Amino acid sequence: MTVDQLGIAKPDLRNPALAVMAEALTDVENRYSGIPTMRNEMIAFGLPEPVFENRRNEFVVTFFNDSDNRNIY
């Protein structure tokens, strides 16, 4: 999956049986809703969207705390 696909494409689950069971038995968040929720909340507070980066050995999300793009993590 590429960074551009985050929040749009739905990746395969590593353990579909466990995911379905967790959804049925608990109050877990709906699958695939985290990134769209982050984007929507940042916009709702008048902040820039988070920046997603796929680096060599890590996945990094950068949040900005004002429109001047000063980072917070």
Protein backbone atom coordinates (compact mmCIF):
# COMPACT_ATOMS: atom_id res chain seq x y z
CA MET A 1 0.00 0.00 0.00
CA THR A 2 1.28 3.46 -0.83
CA VAL A 3 0.95 6.60 1.30
CA ASP A 4 -1.46 7.99 -1.31
CA GLN A 5 -3.80 5.05 -0.70
CA LEU A 6 -4.05 5.60 3.07
CA GLY A 7 -7.63 6.15 4.16
CA ILE A 8 -8.94 5.17 0.73
CA ALA A 9 -7.83 1.60 -0.06
CA LYS A 10 -8.78 -1.18 2.29
CA PRO A 11 -5.84 -3.51 2.93
CA ASP A 12 -6.22 -7.19 3.56
CA LEU A 13 -6.60 -8.09 7.22
CA ARG A 14 -3.81 -10.14 8.74
CA ASN A 15 -6.28 -12.09 10.85
CA PRO A 16 -9.85 -11.65 9.53
CA ALA A 17 -11.38 -14.04 12.07
CA LEU A 18 -9.91 -12.09 14.99
CA ALA A 19 -11.01 -8.74 13.52
CA VAL A 20 -14.58 -9.89 13.01
CA MET A 21 -14.71 -11.39 16.50
CA ALA A 22 -13.36 -8.20 18.08
CA GLU A 23 -15.95 -6.12 16.23
CA ALA A 24 -18.76 -8.41 17.33
CA LEU A 25 -17.75 -8.71 20.98
CA THR A 26 -16.35 -5.26 21.83
CA ASP A 27 -16.75 -1.60 21.08
CA VAL A 28 -13.77 -1.47 18.74
CA GLU A 29 -13.50 1.29 16.20
CA ASN A 30 -14.71 0.49 12.72
CA ARG A 31 -11.98 -0.82 10.48
CA TYR A 32 -10.23 1.64 8.22
CA SER A 33 -11.76 4.71 9.90
CA GLY A 34 -8.65 5.99 11.71
CA ILE A 35 -6.97 7.92 8.90
CA PRO A 36 -10.15 9.58 7.60
CA THR A 37 -11.00 10.50 11.21
CA MET A 38 -7.56 12.08 11.71
CA ARG A 39 -7.90 14.07 8.51
CA ASN A 40 -11.43 15.25 9.34
CA GLU A 41 -10.54 16.28 12.90
CA MET A 42 -7.54 18.29 11.78
CA ILE A 43 -9.71 20.13 9.24
CA ALA A 44 -12.44 20.68 11.85
CA PHE A 45 -9.90 22.45 14.07
CA GLY A 46 -8.57 24.54 11.19
CA LEU A 47 -5.27 22.68 11.07
CA PRO A 48 -3.41 21.26 8.07
CA GLU A 49 -3.92 17.61 7.27
CA PRO A 50 -1.34 15.24 8.75
CA VAL A 51 1.58 14.26 6.53
CA PHE A 52 2.15 10.52 6.06
CA GLU A 53 5.59 9.18 5.14
CA ASN A 54 6.70 5.66 4.40
CA ARG A 55 10.37 5.63 5.33
CA ARG A 56 12.77 2.74 4.98
CA ASN A 57 12.00 1.01 8.29
CA GLU A 58 9.14 3.05 9.68
CA PHE A 59 5.84 4.72 8.98
CA VAL A 60 5.70 8.34 10.19
CA VAL A 61 2.71 10.64 10.67
CA THR A 62 3.40 14.33 11.29
CA PHE A 63 0.71 16.51 12.86
CA PHE A 64 0.86 20.30 12.76
CA ASN A 65 -0.42 22.38 15.66
CA ASP A 66 -1.07 25.56 13.69
CA SER A 67 -1.25 26.84 10.16
CA ASP A 68 2.44 27.79 10.28
CA ASN A 69 3.21 24.04 10.14
CA ARG A 70 5.15 23.77 13.39
CA ASN A 71 5.34 20.09 14.14
CA ILE A 72 3.95 18.14 17.04
CA TYR A 73 4.08 14.36 17.18
